Amino acid sequence: MDTLYHQTNKQIQEVQSNMGRLETADRQSVHLVENELQARIDQIFSSLERLEILASKEPPNRRQNAKLRVDQLKYDVQHLQTGLRNFQHRRYAREAQEQEREELMARTFTTNDADTSIPIDDTLQINTSLHNAHRGIDDLLGSGSSILDGLREQRNTLKGAHKKMLDVANMLGLSNTVMQLIEKRAFQDKFLLIGGMVVTCIVMVLVVKYLT
């Protein structure tokens, strides 16, 4: 189990270091980078399933600690999966807006004189703007929903890991200082979760207000 654990942990670190490639890749290669990262994440999830089986077969005095280590890896890879999905949502929205802008710029209405063109009328511009605003809001809501789901998953994982850490600590007789540090970290993570949800809601409200 230790060999597979270290291999999986190394794979997670490699994916973390390669996440920055998403921001620097051009439009032609960004799809390849996303597919490569997703394939690595899927491989990590597969390794975690094997680790969970191996952890359950550990001796009783090591089983709890082994499950705790696997849960930590699971939390890390779920964080990476959420980050990749959020990037894809932003890219899809950006590409859709660019395509609509190009179509709008290329669209003109002409009179009987082939050399004379008139701009799109105000009504069509308003309808197009409203359509774009609605699509932007839908994309934003989808991205926000994905972020909140990811935060909920992370919160549930943290709660389970915290409980197991307390059980392991009681079993191993850790000091009160270590226990206090663990509880303090869990308390801070709870505020980070709440803060992230509040900031996401504020951004969504501001964008909706701006687009409409």
N, C-alpha and C. Protein backbone atom coordinates (compact mmCIF):
# COMPACT_ATOMS: atom_id res chain seq x y z
N MET A 1 0.83 -1.22 0.00
CA MET A 1 0.00 0.00 0.00
C MET A 1 0.85 1.25 0.00
N ASP A 2 1.96 1.22 0.72
CA ASP A 2 2.81 2.42 0.80
C ASP A 2 3.33 2.82 -0.57
N THR A 3 3.70 1.83 -1.40
CA THR A 3 4.21 2.14 -2.74
C THR A 3 3.14 2.83 -3.58
N LEU A 4 1.93 2.29 -3.59
CA LEU A 4 0.84 2.89 -4.36
C LEU A 4 0.47 4.26 -3.81
N TYR A 5 0.52 4.41 -2.49
CA TYR A 5 0.22 5.71 -1.87
C TYR A 5 1.20 6.78 -2.36
N HIS A 6 2.49 6.48 -2.32
CA HIS A 6 3.49 7.46 -2.74
C HIS A 6 3.38 7.75 -4.24
N GLN A 7 3.06 6.74 -5.05
CA GLN A 7 2.88 6.96 -6.48
C GLN A 7 1.70 7.90 -6.74
N THR A 8 0.60 7.65 -6.04
CA THR A 8 -0.60 8.48 -6.21
C THR A 8 -0.35 9.91 -5.74
N ASN A 9 0.33 10.06 -4.63
CA ASN A 9 0.65 11.39 -4.12
C ASN A 9 1.53 12.14 -5.11
N LYS A 10 2.48 11.45 -5.73
CA LYS A 10 3.35 12.07 -6.73
C LYS A 10 2.55 12.51 -7.95
N GLN A 11 1.58 11.68 -8.37
CA GLN A 11 0.73 12.04 -9.52
C GLN A 11 -0.09 13.30 -9.21
N ILE A 12 -0.60 13.41 -7.99
CA ILE A 12 -1.36 14.59 -7.61
C ILE A 12 -0.49 15.84 -7.67
N GLN A 13 0.74 15.74 -7.19
CA GLN A 13 1.65 16.88 -7.23
C GLN A 13 1.99 17.27 -8.66
N GLU A 14 2.10 16.29 -9.55
CA GLU A 14 2.39 16.58 -10.95
C GLU A 14 1.21 17.31 -11.61
N VAL A 15 0.00 16.87 -11.30
CA VAL A 15 -1.18 17.55 -11.85
C VAL A 15 -1.26 18.99 -11.32
N GLN A 16 -0.98 19.18 -10.04
CA GLN A 16 -0.99 20.53 -9.46
C GLN A 16 0.00 21.44 -10.18
N SER A 17 1.18 20.93 -10.47
CA SER A 17 2.19 21.75 -11.14
C SER A 17 1.83 22.03 -12.59
N ASN A 18 1.03 21.16 -13.20
CA ASN A 18 0.66 21.34 -14.61
C ASN A 18 -0.62 22.16 -14.79
N MET A 19 -1.34 22.45 -13.70
CA MET A 19 -2.57 23.24 -13.82
C MET A 19 -2.28 24.62 -14.39
N GLY A 20 -1.09 25.16 -14.12
CA GLY A 20 -0.75 26.47 -14.66
C GLY A 20 -0.67 26.50 -16.16
N ARG A 21 -0.50 25.35 -16.80
CA ARG A 21 -0.44 25.31 -18.25
C ARG A 21 -1.76 25.70 -18.90
N LEU A 22 -2.86 25.56 -18.16
CA LEU A 22 -4.17 25.94 -18.71
C LEU A 22 -4.22 27.43 -19.04
N GLU A 23 -3.61 28.25 -18.20
CA GLU A 23 -3.67 29.70 -18.40
C GLU A 23 -2.72 30.18 -19.50
N THR A 24 -1.66 29.42 -19.76
CA THR A 24 -0.67 29.84 -20.75
C THR A 24 -0.86 29.20 -22.11
N ALA A 25 -1.67 28.14 -22.19
CA ALA A 25 -1.86 27.44 -23.47
C ALA A 25 -2.68 28.29 -24.43
N ASP A 26 -2.39 28.19 -25.74
CA ASP A 26 -3.16 28.92 -26.73
C ASP A 26 -4.45 28.16 -27.04
N ARG A 27 -5.30 28.77 -27.85
CA ARG A 27 -6.62 28.19 -28.11
C ARG A 27 -6.53 26.85 -28.82
N GLN A 28 -5.48 26.65 -29.61
CA GLN A 28 -5.36 25.40 -30.35
C GLN A 28 -4.93 24.23 -29.46
N SER A 29 -4.15 24.52 -28.42
CA SER A 29 -3.61 23.44 -27.60
C SER A 29 -4.28 23.30 -26.23
N VAL A 30 -5.14 24.26 -25.85
CA VAL A 30 -5.74 24.19 -24.52
C VAL A 30 -6.60 22.94 -24.35
N HIS A 31 -7.24 22.48 -25.45
CA HIS A 31 -8.05 21.26 -25.36
C HIS A 31 -7.18 20.05 -25.03
N LEU A 32 -6.00 20.01 -25.64
CA LEU A 32 -5.09 18.89 -25.38
C LEU A 32 -4.64 18.89 -23.93
N VAL A 33 -4.36 20.08 -23.39
CA VAL A 33 -3.93 20.18 -21.99
C VAL A 33 -5.06 19.73 -21.06
N GLU A 34 -6.29 20.16 -21.35
CA GLU A 34 -7.44 19.75 -20.52
C GLU A 34 -7.62 18.23 -20.55
N ASN A 35 -7.52 17.65 -21.74
CA ASN A 35 -7.70 16.20 -21.86
C ASN A 35 -6.59 15.45 -21.11
N GLU A 36 -5.37 15.97 -21.21
CA GLU A 36 -4.25 15.32 -20.51
C GLU A 36 -4.46 15.36 -19.00
N LEU A 37 -4.85 16.53 -18.47
CA LEU A 37 -5.06 16.67 -17.04
C LEU A 37 -6.23 15.80 -16.57
N GLN A 38 -7.31 15.76 -17.37
CA GLN A 38 -8.46 14.95 -16.99
C GLN A 38 -8.10 13.47 -16.95
N ALA A 39 -7.28 13.03 -17.92
CA ALA A 39 -6.86 11.62 -17.94
C ALA A 39 -6.03 11.29 -16.70
N ARG A 40 -5.17 12.20 -16.29
CA ARG A 40 -4.36 11.97 -15.09
C ARG A 40 -5.24 11.93 -13.84
N ILE A 41 -6.23 12.83 -13.78
CA ILE A 41 -7.13 12.85 -12.63
C ILE A 41 -7.94 11.56 -12.56
N ASP A 42 -8.42 11.08 -13.72
CA ASP A 42 -9.16 9.82 -13.74
C ASP A 42 -8.28 8.66 -13.25
N GLN A 43 -7.00 8.68 -13.65
CA GLN A 43 -6.08 7.64 -13.21
C GLN A 43 -5.87 7.69 -11.69
N ILE A 44 -5.82 8.92 -11.15
CA ILE A 44 -5.67 9.08 -9.70
C ILE A 44 -6.89 8.53 -8.97
N PHE A 45 -8.09 8.82 -9.49
CA PHE A 45 -9.31 8.28 -8.86
C PHE A 45 -9.30 6.75 -8.86
N SER A 46 -8.80 6.17 -9.95
CA SER A 46 -8.71 4.72 -10.03
C SER A 46 -7.74 4.18 -8.97
N SER A 47 -6.62 4.87 -8.81
CA SER A 47 -5.65 4.45 -7.79
C SER A 47 -6.24 4.59 -6.39
N LEU A 48 -7.04 5.62 -6.17
CA LEU A 48 -7.65 5.82 -4.86
C LEU A 48 -8.63 4.70 -4.52
N GLU A 49 -9.33 4.19 -5.52
CA GLU A 49 -10.24 3.06 -5.27
C GLU A 49 -9.45 1.84 -4.79
N ARG A 50 -8.30 1.61 -5.42
CA ARG A 50 -7.45 0.49 -4.99
C ARG A 50 -6.89 0.74 -3.58
N LEU A 51 -6.53 2.00 -3.31
CA LEU A 51 -5.99 2.32 -1.99
C LEU A 51 -7.03 2.12 -0.90
N GLU A 52 -8.28 2.46 -1.19
CA GLU A 52 -9.34 2.26 -0.19
C GLU A 52 -9.50 0.77 0.14
N ILE A 53 -9.38 -0.08 -0.88
CA ILE A 53 -9.48 -1.52 -0.64
C ILE A 53 -8.30 -2.01 0.21
N LEU A 54 -7.10 -1.52 -0.16
CA LEU A 54 -5.91 -1.93 0.59
C LEU A 54 -5.95 -1.41 2.03
N ALA A 55 -6.47 -0.19 2.21
CA ALA A 55 -6.55 0.38 3.56
C ALA A 55 -7.47 -0.44 4.45
N SER A 56 -8.55 -0.95 3.87
CA SER A 56 -9.49 -1.74 4.67
C SER A 56 -8.90 -3.09 5.07
N LYS A 57 -7.82 -3.50 4.41
CA LYS A 57 -7.18 -4.78 4.72
C LYS A 57 -5.98 -4.61 5.64
N GLU A 58 -5.68 -3.38 6.03
CA GLU A 58 -4.56 -3.14 6.93
C GLU A 58 -4.86 -3.71 8.32
N PRO A 59 -3.83 -4.01 9.13
CA PRO A 59 -4.07 -4.47 10.50
C PRO A 59 -4.87 -3.43 11.29
N PRO A 60 -5.63 -3.85 12.28
CA PRO A 60 -6.50 -2.91 13.01
C PRO A 60 -5.76 -1.71 13.58
N ASN A 61 -4.53 -1.89 14.03
CA ASN A 61 -3.81 -0.77 14.62
C ASN A 61 -3.29 0.23 13.60
N ARG A 62 -3.35 -0.12 12.32
CA ARG A 62 -2.90 0.79 11.26
C ARG A 62 -4.02 1.20 10.31
N ARG A 63 -5.16 0.54 10.42
CA ARG A 63 -6.23 0.74 9.45
C ARG A 63 -6.78 2.17 9.47
N GLN A 64 -7.01 2.72 10.65
CA GLN A 64 -7.59 4.06 10.75
C GLN A 64 -6.66 5.11 10.14
N ASN A 65 -5.39 5.00 10.45
CA ASN A 65 -4.41 5.95 9.91
C ASN A 65 -4.30 5.82 8.39
N ALA A 66 -4.38 4.58 7.90
CA ALA A 66 -4.31 4.37 6.45
C ALA A 66 -5.51 5.00 5.75
N LYS A 67 -6.70 4.84 6.31
CA LYS A 67 -7.90 5.44 5.71
C LYS A 67 -7.82 6.97 5.74
N LEU A 68 -7.24 7.50 6.79
CA LEU A 68 -7.09 8.95 6.89
C LEU A 68 -6.18 9.49 5.79
N ARG A 69 -5.09 8.78 5.52
CA ARG A 69 -4.17 9.20 4.46
C ARG A 69 -4.85 9.14 3.09
N VAL A 70 -5.66 8.12 2.87
CA VAL A 70 -6.38 8.01 1.60
C VAL A 70 -7.40 9.14 1.45
N ASP A 71 -8.09 9.48 2.54
CA ASP A 71 -9.06 10.57 2.50
C ASP A 71 -8.39 11.89 2.16
N GLN A 72 -7.18 12.11 2.64
CA GLN A 72 -6.46 13.35 2.33
C GLN A 72 -6.14 13.42 0.84
N LEU A 73 -5.71 12.29 0.27
CA LEU A 73 -5.45 12.26 -1.17
C LEU A 73 -6.73 12.51 -1.96
N LYS A 74 -7.83 11.92 -1.48
CA LYS A 74 -9.12 12.11 -2.16
C LYS A 74 -9.53 13.58 -2.13
N TYR A 75 -9.32 14.24 -1.01
CA TYR A 75 -9.64 15.67 -0.91
C TYR A 75 -8.80 16.48 -1.90
N ASP A 76 -7.52 16.16 -2.01
CA ASP A 76 -6.63 16.90 -2.92
C ASP A 76 -7.06 16.74 -4.38
N VAL A 77 -7.39 15.52 -4.77
CA VAL A 77 -7.74 15.30 -6.18
C VAL A 77 -9.12 15.89 -6.50
N GLN A 78 -10.04 15.89 -5.53
CA GLN A 78 -11.34 16.54 -5.76
C GLN A 78 -11.17 18.04 -5.95
N HIS A 79 -10.23 18.62 -5.22
CA HIS A 79 -9.93 20.04 -5.39
C HIS A 79 -9.40 20.30 -6.81
N LEU A 80 -8.54 19.43 -7.31
CA LEU A 80 -8.01 19.58 -8.67
C LEU A 80 -9.11 19.42 -9.71
N GLN A 81 -10.01 18.45 -9.49
CA GLN A 81 -11.11 18.23 -10.43
C GLN A 81 -12.02 19.46 -10.50
N THR A 82 -12.31 20.04 -9.35
CA THR A 82 -13.15 21.24 -9.32
C THR A 82 -12.47 22.39 -10.04
N GLY A 83 -11.18 22.57 -9.83
CA GLY A 83 -10.45 23.63 -10.51
C GLY A 83 -10.47 23.47 -12.02
N LEU A 84 -10.31 22.24 -12.51
CA LEU A 84 -10.34 21.99 -13.95
C LEU A 84 -11.71 22.27 -14.53
N ARG A 85 -12.77 21.87 -13.83
CA ARG A 85 -14.13 22.11 -14.33
C ARG A 85 -14.44 23.60 -14.36
N ASN A 86 -14.01 24.33 -13.36
CA ASN A 86 -14.25 25.77 -13.35
C ASN A 86 -13.54 26.45 -14.51
N PHE A 87 -12.33 26.04 -14.81
CA PHE A 87 -11.61 26.61 -15.94
C PHE A 87 -12.34 26.32 -17.25
N GLN A 88 -12.86 25.10 -17.39
CA GLN A 88 -13.58 24.75 -18.62
C GLN A 88 -14.85 25.57 -18.76
N HIS A 89 -15.57 25.78 -17.66
CA HIS A 89 -16.79 26.61 -17.71
C HIS A 89 -16.44 28.03 -18.17
N ARG A 90 -15.37 28.61 -17.63
CA ARG A 90 -14.97 29.95 -18.03
C ARG A 90 -14.57 29.99 -19.50
N ARG A 91 -13.87 28.96 -19.95
CA ARG A 91 -13.43 28.93 -21.35
C ARG A 91 -14.63 28.80 -22.29
N TYR A 92 -15.59 27.95 -21.96
CA TYR A 92 -16.77 27.79 -22.80
C TYR A 92 -17.53 29.12 -22.91
N ALA A 93 -17.69 29.81 -21.79
CA ALA A 93 -18.41 31.10 -21.81
C ALA A 93 -17.65 32.13 -22.64
N ARG A 94 -16.33 32.18 -22.48
CA ARG A 94 -15.52 33.14 -23.23
C ARG A 94 -15.56 32.86 -24.73
N GLU A 95 -15.48 31.60 -25.13
CA GLU A 95 -15.51 31.26 -26.55
C GLU A 95 -16.89 31.56 -27.15
N ALA A 96 -17.96 31.31 -26.38
CA ALA A 96 -19.30 31.61 -26.89
C ALA A 96 -19.48 33.11 -27.11
N GLN A 97 -18.98 33.92 -26.17
CA GLN A 97 -19.07 35.37 -26.32
C GLN A 97 -18.26 35.86 -27.52
N GLU A 98 -17.08 35.30 -27.71
CA GLU A 98 -16.25 35.71 -28.85
C GLU A 98 -16.92 35.33 -30.17
N GLN A 99 -17.53 34.15 -30.22
CA GLN A 99 -18.20 33.74 -31.44
C GLN A 99 -19.40 34.64 -31.76
N GLU A 100 -20.18 34.97 -30.73
CA GLU A 100 -21.31 35.86 -30.94
C GLU A 100 -20.86 37.24 -31.39
N ARG A 101 -19.75 37.72 -30.81
CA ARG A 101 -19.23 39.03 -31.19
C ARG A 101 -18.78 39.04 -32.65
N GLU A 102 -18.13 37.95 -33.08
CA GLU A 102 -17.68 37.88 -34.46
C GLU A 102 -18.87 37.82 -35.42
N GLU A 103 -19.90 37.05 -35.04
CA GLU A 103 -21.09 36.97 -35.90
C GLU A 103 -21.79 38.31 -35.98
N LEU A 104 -21.82 39.03 -34.86
CA LEU A 104 -22.48 40.34 -34.85
C LEU A 104 -21.72 41.35 -35.71
N MET A 105 -20.41 41.32 -35.61
CA MET A 105 -19.60 42.24 -36.40
C MET A 105 -19.69 41.94 -37.90
N ALA A 106 -19.87 40.66 -38.24
CA ALA A 106 -19.92 40.28 -39.65
C ALA A 106 -21.30 40.49 -40.27
N ARG A 107 -22.31 40.71 -39.44
CA ARG A 107 -23.68 40.82 -39.94
C ARG A 107 -24.01 42.28 -40.26
N THR A 108 -24.41 42.58 -41.51
CA THR A 108 -24.83 43.92 -41.94
C THR A 108 -26.09 43.81 -42.78
N PHE A 109 -26.85 44.91 -42.84
CA PHE A 109 -28.04 44.99 -43.67
C PHE A 109 -27.80 46.04 -44.76
N THR A 110 -28.13 45.69 -45.99
CA THR A 110 -27.87 46.59 -47.11
C THR A 110 -29.17 47.03 -47.76
N THR A 111 -29.13 48.22 -48.42
CA THR A 111 -30.28 48.73 -49.18
C THR A 111 -30.19 48.18 -50.59
N ASN A 112 -31.02 48.69 -51.49
CA ASN A 112 -30.99 48.23 -52.88
C ASN A 112 -29.67 48.59 -53.55
N ASP A 113 -29.05 49.65 -53.07
CA ASP A 113 -27.75 50.02 -53.60
C ASP A 113 -26.70 49.13 -52.94
N ALA A 114 -26.00 48.33 -53.77
CA ALA A 114 -25.03 47.38 -53.23
C ALA A 114 -23.89 48.07 -52.52
N ASP A 115 -23.64 49.33 -52.85
CA ASP A 115 -22.51 50.03 -52.24
C ASP A 115 -22.88 50.74 -50.95
N THR A 116 -24.15 50.67 -50.58
CA THR A 116 -24.61 51.38 -49.39
C THR A 116 -25.03 50.37 -48.33
N SER A 117 -24.53 50.51 -47.13
CA SER A 117 -24.90 49.61 -46.03
C SER A 117 -25.39 50.43 -44.87
N ILE A 118 -26.29 49.85 -44.06
CA ILE A 118 -26.81 50.52 -42.88
C ILE A 118 -26.49 49.67 -41.67
N PRO A 119 -26.25 50.25 -40.54
CA PRO A 119 -25.94 49.45 -39.34
C PRO A 119 -27.17 48.74 -38.82
N ILE A 120 -26.97 47.79 -37.97
CA ILE A 120 -28.09 47.08 -37.34
C ILE A 120 -28.90 48.05 -36.52
N ASP A 121 -30.22 47.95 -36.58
CA ASP A 121 -31.07 48.92 -35.89
C ASP A 121 -31.00 48.70 -34.37
N ASP A 122 -31.52 49.70 -33.66
CA ASP A 122 -31.42 49.69 -32.20
C ASP A 122 -32.15 48.51 -31.58
N THR A 123 -33.31 48.14 -32.16
CA THR A 123 -34.08 47.03 -31.59
C THR A 123 -33.31 45.73 -31.65
N LEU A 124 -32.67 45.48 -32.79
CA LEU A 124 -31.89 44.26 -32.93
C LEU A 124 -30.70 44.27 -31.98
N GLN A 125 -30.08 45.42 -31.80
CA GLN A 125 -28.95 45.51 -30.87
C GLN A 125 -29.40 45.21 -29.43
N ILE A 126 -30.57 45.75 -29.06
CA ILE A 126 -31.08 45.51 -27.70
C ILE A 126 -31.38 44.02 -27.50
N ASN A 127 -32.05 43.41 -28.50
CA ASN A 127 -32.37 41.99 -28.38
C ASN A 127 -31.11 41.13 -28.28
N THR A 128 -30.12 41.50 -29.10
CA THR A 128 -28.86 40.74 -29.07
C THR A 128 -28.17 40.90 -27.73
N SER A 129 -28.17 42.13 -27.20
CA SER A 129 -27.54 42.36 -25.89
C SER A 129 -28.24 41.57 -24.79
N LEU A 130 -29.59 41.57 -24.83
CA LEU A 130 -30.33 40.82 -23.83
C LEU A 130 -30.05 39.32 -23.94
N HIS A 131 -29.97 38.85 -25.19
CA HIS A 131 -29.68 37.43 -25.40
C HIS A 131 -28.31 37.08 -24.84
N ASN A 132 -27.34 37.93 -25.12
CA ASN A 132 -25.98 37.68 -24.60
C ASN A 132 -25.96 37.75 -23.08
N ALA A 133 -26.73 38.68 -22.52
CA ALA A 133 -26.77 38.81 -21.06
C ALA A 133 -27.35 37.56 -20.42
N HIS A 134 -28.44 37.04 -21.02
CA HIS A 134 -29.05 35.83 -20.47
C HIS A 134 -28.09 34.65 -20.55
N ARG A 135 -27.39 34.54 -21.67
CA ARG A 135 -26.44 33.43 -21.80
C ARG A 135 -25.30 33.59 -20.81
N GLY A 136 -24.84 34.82 -20.64
CA GLY A 136 -23.76 35.06 -19.68
C GLY A 136 -24.20 34.71 -18.27
N ILE A 137 -25.45 35.06 -17.92
CA ILE A 137 -25.97 34.74 -16.59
C ILE A 137 -26.09 33.22 -16.41
N ASP A 138 -26.60 32.52 -17.45
CA ASP A 138 -26.71 31.06 -17.35
C ASP A 138 -25.35 30.41 -17.15
N ASP A 139 -24.36 30.89 -17.92
CA ASP A 139 -23.00 30.33 -17.77
C ASP A 139 -22.45 30.61 -16.39
N LEU A 140 -22.71 31.82 -15.89
CA LEU A 140 -22.21 32.19 -14.57
C LEU A 140 -22.87 31.37 -13.48
N LEU A 141 -24.19 31.17 -13.62
CA LEU A 141 -24.90 30.35 -12.63
C LEU A 141 -24.39 28.91 -12.65
N GLY A 142 -24.13 28.40 -13.86
CA GLY A 142 -23.59 27.05 -13.95
C GLY A 142 -22.24 26.94 -13.29
N SER A 143 -21.37 27.95 -13.54
CA SER A 143 -20.05 27.95 -12.92
C SER A 143 -20.15 28.09 -11.41
N GLY A 144 -21.05 28.98 -10.95
CA GLY A 144 -21.23 29.17 -9.52
C GLY A 144 -21.75 27.90 -8.85
N SER A 145 -22.68 27.21 -9.53
CA SER A 145 -23.21 25.97 -8.98
C SER A 145 -22.12 24.91 -8.85
N SER A 146 -21.25 24.86 -9.89
CA SER A 146 -20.14 23.91 -9.84
C SER A 146 -19.19 24.22 -8.70
N ILE A 147 -18.92 25.52 -8.49
CA ILE A 147 -18.02 25.92 -7.40
C ILE A 147 -18.63 25.54 -6.04
N LEU A 148 -19.92 25.82 -5.87
CA LEU A 148 -20.57 25.51 -4.60
C LEU A 148 -20.60 24.01 -4.35
N ASP A 149 -20.85 23.22 -5.42
CA ASP A 149 -20.84 21.77 -5.25
C ASP A 149 -19.46 21.29 -4.82
N GLY A 150 -18.42 21.89 -5.45
CA GLY A 150 -17.06 21.52 -5.07
C GLY A 150 -16.75 21.87 -3.63
N LEU A 151 -17.24 23.03 -3.21
CA LEU A 151 -17.01 23.44 -1.82
C LEU A 151 -17.74 22.53 -0.84
N ARG A 152 -18.97 22.12 -1.22
CA ARG A 152 -19.70 21.21 -0.34
C ARG A 152 -18.98 19.86 -0.23
N GLU A 153 -18.46 19.36 -1.39
CA GLU A 153 -17.73 18.10 -1.35
C GLU A 153 -16.50 18.21 -0.45
N GLN A 154 -15.79 19.35 -0.59
CA GLN A 154 -14.60 19.54 0.22
C GLN A 154 -14.96 19.64 1.70
N ARG A 155 -16.09 20.29 2.00
CA ARG A 155 -16.50 20.42 3.41
C ARG A 155 -16.83 19.05 4.00
N ASN A 156 -17.56 18.22 3.21
CA ASN A 156 -17.90 16.89 3.71
C ASN A 156 -16.65 16.04 3.91
N THR A 157 -15.70 16.17 2.97
CA THR A 157 -14.45 15.41 3.11
C THR A 157 -13.69 15.85 4.33
N LEU A 158 -13.64 17.18 4.57
CA LEU A 158 -12.93 17.71 5.73
C LEU A 158 -13.59 17.24 7.03
N LYS A 159 -14.93 17.21 7.05
CA LYS A 159 -15.61 16.77 8.26
C LYS A 159 -15.27 15.31 8.56
N GLY A 160 -15.29 14.48 7.49
CA GLY A 160 -14.97 13.07 7.71
C GLY A 160 -13.52 12.89 8.13
N ALA A 161 -12.62 13.65 7.47
CA ALA A 161 -11.20 13.54 7.84
C ALA A 161 -10.96 14.02 9.27
N HIS A 162 -11.68 15.08 9.67
CA HIS A 162 -11.52 15.61 11.02
C HIS A 162 -11.96 14.58 12.06
N LYS A 163 -13.09 13.93 11.80
CA LYS A 163 -13.58 12.92 12.74
C LYS A 163 -12.59 11.76 12.85
N LYS A 164 -12.06 11.35 11.70
CA LYS A 164 -11.13 10.23 11.73
C LYS A 164 -9.82 10.62 12.41
N MET A 165 -9.39 11.88 12.20
CA MET A 165 -8.18 12.35 12.86
C MET A 165 -8.36 12.35 14.38
N LEU A 166 -9.55 12.74 14.83
CA LEU A 166 -9.82 12.71 16.27
C LEU A 166 -9.79 11.29 16.81
N ASP A 167 -10.36 10.35 16.02
CA ASP A 167 -10.36 8.96 16.46
C ASP A 167 -8.94 8.42 16.55
N VAL A 168 -8.12 8.75 15.49
CA VAL A 168 -6.74 8.29 15.50
C VAL A 168 -5.97 8.92 16.65
N ALA A 169 -6.25 10.21 16.88
CA ALA A 169 -5.55 10.91 17.96
C ALA A 169 -5.88 10.29 19.31
N ASN A 170 -7.14 9.95 19.51
CA ASN A 170 -7.52 9.32 20.77
C ASN A 170 -6.87 7.95 20.92
N MET A 171 -6.77 7.25 19.80
CA MET A 171 -6.20 5.91 19.84
C MET A 171 -4.70 5.96 20.13
N LEU A 172 -4.03 6.94 19.53
CA LEU A 172 -2.57 7.05 19.69
C LEU A 172 -2.18 7.87 20.91
N GLY A 173 -3.16 8.55 21.54
CA GLY A 173 -2.86 9.34 22.73
C GLY A 173 -2.08 10.60 22.42
N LEU A 174 -2.47 11.34 21.37
CA LEU A 174 -1.76 12.57 21.04
C LEU A 174 -2.01 13.63 22.11
N SER A 175 -1.16 14.61 22.16
CA SER A 175 -1.24 15.65 23.18
C SER A 175 -2.40 16.60 22.90
N ASN A 176 -2.80 17.33 23.93
CA ASN A 176 -3.88 18.30 23.78
C ASN A 176 -3.52 19.40 22.80
N THR A 177 -2.24 19.74 22.73
CA THR A 177 -1.82 20.81 21.80
C THR A 177 -2.09 20.41 20.36
N VAL A 178 -1.75 19.19 20.00
CA VAL A 178 -2.00 18.72 18.64
C VAL A 178 -3.49 18.68 18.36
N MET A 179 -4.28 18.26 19.33
CA MET A 179 -5.73 18.24 19.15
C MET A 179 -6.29 19.63 18.92
N GLN A 180 -5.77 20.59 19.65
CA GLN A 180 -6.24 21.97 19.48
C GLN A 180 -5.88 22.50 18.10
N LEU A 181 -4.70 22.15 17.62
CA LEU A 181 -4.30 22.59 16.27
C LEU A 181 -5.21 22.00 15.21
N ILE A 182 -5.58 20.73 15.38
CA ILE A 182 -6.47 20.09 14.42
C ILE A 182 -7.84 20.78 14.41
N GLU A 183 -8.39 21.04 15.59
CA GLU A 183 -9.69 21.69 15.67
C GLU A 183 -9.63 23.12 15.13
N LYS A 184 -8.51 23.81 15.36
CA LYS A 184 -8.37 25.17 14.84
C LYS A 184 -8.35 25.17 13.31
N ARG A 185 -7.66 24.18 12.72
CA ARG A 185 -7.62 24.09 11.27
C ARG A 185 -9.00 23.82 10.69
N ALA A 186 -9.75 22.94 11.32
CA ALA A 186 -11.11 22.64 10.86
C ALA A 186 -12.00 23.88 10.97
N PHE A 187 -11.83 24.66 12.05
CA PHE A 187 -12.61 25.88 12.24
C PHE A 187 -12.28 26.90 11.15
N GLN A 188 -10.98 27.03 10.80
CA GLN A 188 -10.58 27.95 9.74
C GLN A 188 -11.12 27.51 8.39
N ASP A 189 -11.08 26.20 8.12
CA ASP A 189 -11.61 25.70 6.85
C ASP A 189 -13.09 25.99 6.72
N LYS A 190 -13.82 25.92 7.84
CA LYS A 190 -15.25 26.22 7.81
C LYS A 190 -15.49 27.66 7.39
N PHE A 191 -14.71 28.60 7.94
CA PHE A 191 -14.88 30.00 7.56
C PHE A 191 -14.46 30.24 6.11
N LEU A 192 -13.44 29.53 5.65
CA LEU A 192 -13.04 29.66 4.25
C LEU A 192 -14.16 29.20 3.33
N LEU A 193 -14.83 28.12 3.71
CA LEU A 193 -15.95 27.63 2.91
C LEU A 193 -17.07 28.66 2.85
N ILE A 194 -17.45 29.19 4.02
CA ILE A 194 -18.52 30.17 4.06
C ILE A 194 -18.13 31.43 3.29
N GLY A 195 -16.88 31.87 3.48
CA GLY A 195 -16.41 33.05 2.76
C GLY A 195 -16.44 32.85 1.26
N GLY A 196 -16.04 31.67 0.80
CA GLY A 196 -16.06 31.39 -0.63
C GLY A 196 -17.46 31.43 -1.20
N MET A 197 -18.42 30.89 -0.45
CA MET A 197 -19.81 30.89 -0.92
C MET A 197 -20.35 32.32 -0.97
N VAL A 198 -20.03 33.13 0.04
CA VAL A 198 -20.51 34.51 0.06
C VAL A 198 -19.93 35.30 -1.10
N VAL A 199 -18.61 35.16 -1.33
CA VAL A 199 -17.97 35.89 -2.42
C VAL A 199 -18.56 35.48 -3.76
N THR A 200 -18.81 34.17 -3.94
CA THR A 200 -19.39 33.70 -5.19
C THR A 200 -20.77 34.31 -5.42
N CYS A 201 -21.59 34.34 -4.38
CA CYS A 201 -22.93 34.94 -4.50
C CYS A 201 -22.84 36.43 -4.83
N ILE A 202 -21.92 37.15 -4.20
CA ILE A 202 -21.78 38.59 -4.46
C ILE A 202 -21.37 38.82 -5.91
N VAL A 203 -20.41 38.03 -6.40
CA VAL A 203 -19.96 38.18 -7.79
C VAL A 203 -21.09 37.91 -8.75
N MET A 204 -21.90 36.87 -8.45
CA MET A 204 -23.02 36.56 -9.34
C MET A 204 -24.02 37.70 -9.37
N VAL A 205 -24.34 38.28 -8.21
CA VAL A 205 -25.28 39.39 -8.17
C VAL A 205 -24.75 40.60 -8.94
N LEU A 206 -23.47 40.91 -8.77
CA LEU A 206 -22.87 42.06 -9.46
C LEU A 206 -22.89 41.85 -10.97
N VAL A 207 -22.57 40.62 -11.42
CA VAL A 207 -22.55 40.37 -12.84
C VAL A 207 -23.94 40.46 -13.44
N VAL A 208 -24.91 39.87 -12.72
CA VAL A 208 -26.30 39.96 -13.20
C VAL A 208 -26.74 41.42 -13.30
N LYS A 209 -26.40 42.23 -12.29
CA LYS A 209 -26.77 43.63 -12.30
C LYS A 209 -26.09 44.39 -13.43
N TYR A 210 -24.83 44.04 -13.71
CA TYR A 210 -24.07 44.71 -14.77
C TYR A 210 -24.60 44.34 -16.14
N LEU A 211 -24.89 43.01 -16.33
CA LEU A 211 -25.32 42.56 -17.65
C LEU A 211 -26.73 43.03 -17.98
N THR A 212 -27.58 43.22 -16.94
CA THR A 212 -28.95 43.63 -17.21
C THR A 212 -29.11 45.13 -17.10
